[in-house]
Amino acid sequence: HRRFDYRPKTDPYCQARYTFCPTGSAIPVMKEEDVIEVYRLQAPVWEFKYGDLLGHLKIMHDAVGFKSSLTGKNYTMEWYELFQLGNCTFPHLRPGMDAPFWCNQGAACFYEGIDDAHWKENGTLVLVTTISGAMFNEMAKWVKYDNETGIYYETWTVQASPDKQSVVWFDSYECSKFILRTYQKLADLGAVFEKIQTNYTSIILFSGEPIYLGNETSIFGPLGNKTLAAAIRDFYYPFKPHRTVREFFVDLVKIIDRVILNRQFYLFYNLEYWFLPMKFPYLKIIYEEVPLPVGSKTSVGV
């Protein structure tokens, strides 16, 4: 997943139904000698709206919690979409604009408190390691860098087959990947993690070797490929937000026809378009174990 030099301003066209990070705050500087507990947090996506429904499908959201021994304060840190998942997964087709319009930024959110009930009720709240205040402060610097350079949310993992050793064409970039990067950073700083099983959700598309199509300018610009531009817009049209149930089912038939019967998918990744020749089983939601990390440098003492 590509790193960028800076985070662009968001376009006012992009509107969130639910505000991003409403109670967010700056990451505090901890006293170096503080002892901070680190918690793994996981709950069903959109639990506030649908309860445990998506938990049964193992579609989970991940976060990390911290508790300072010196102050007794708790904190939560997570990474998610600025304008909700649908906007990160599919674009808007705006009148008078040739190119699909994307509202697909994601970012980190840090705030005081851990909502114990939210994480415990249908999910996970478990201690995974203990770190010093000095390690926490180093992690905070890394979070700032990660947040300013890894700016676009990517829903899909794309791989060649369901086989464990399968080629991964594209990796997703979402909430769980941020938590895994954070754990790895802490391990590299010397954190020693508990030996517990940790599982994460992935939404996988299965495809033959992807075909590079170009970027927005080369496809939709004045010298672009009009036929390809029309095909991409046509592909994304059925994924628009729906006002009625009938509209949704009519478009769902179109999506099944395109993706499964005609085995076509257009992917937007790192600001470029790719064609995916889809393969059975086309799409799968998996909830698989990713072990807690081991540091890249040996830590001496705790």
Foldseek 3Di string as FASTA:
>chain_A
DFWAPFDDDADPVQDAPDAPQPAFDADDQDDQQWKKWKKKFKAAPPCVPVNCVNVVVVRMFIWMKIATPVPRWIKIKWKAARHDDLLLEAFDDDPPALAGHGRFWMAMGMHTDDPVCRRPVSHGIGTWWMDGSVLVNVLSVVRVSCRTTVTGFFQEFEFADPDPPTGTQDDGDGTVVVVLVSLQSSQQVPIDTDFDWAKHKHKYFHFDHKAFDWACCQARNPVHDVVVSVVQCVLRVLSDDDDDPVSVVVSVVVNCCVCPVVVWDWDQDPRTIIITRGDPVGIDMDIGTDTRDHHPDHDDDD
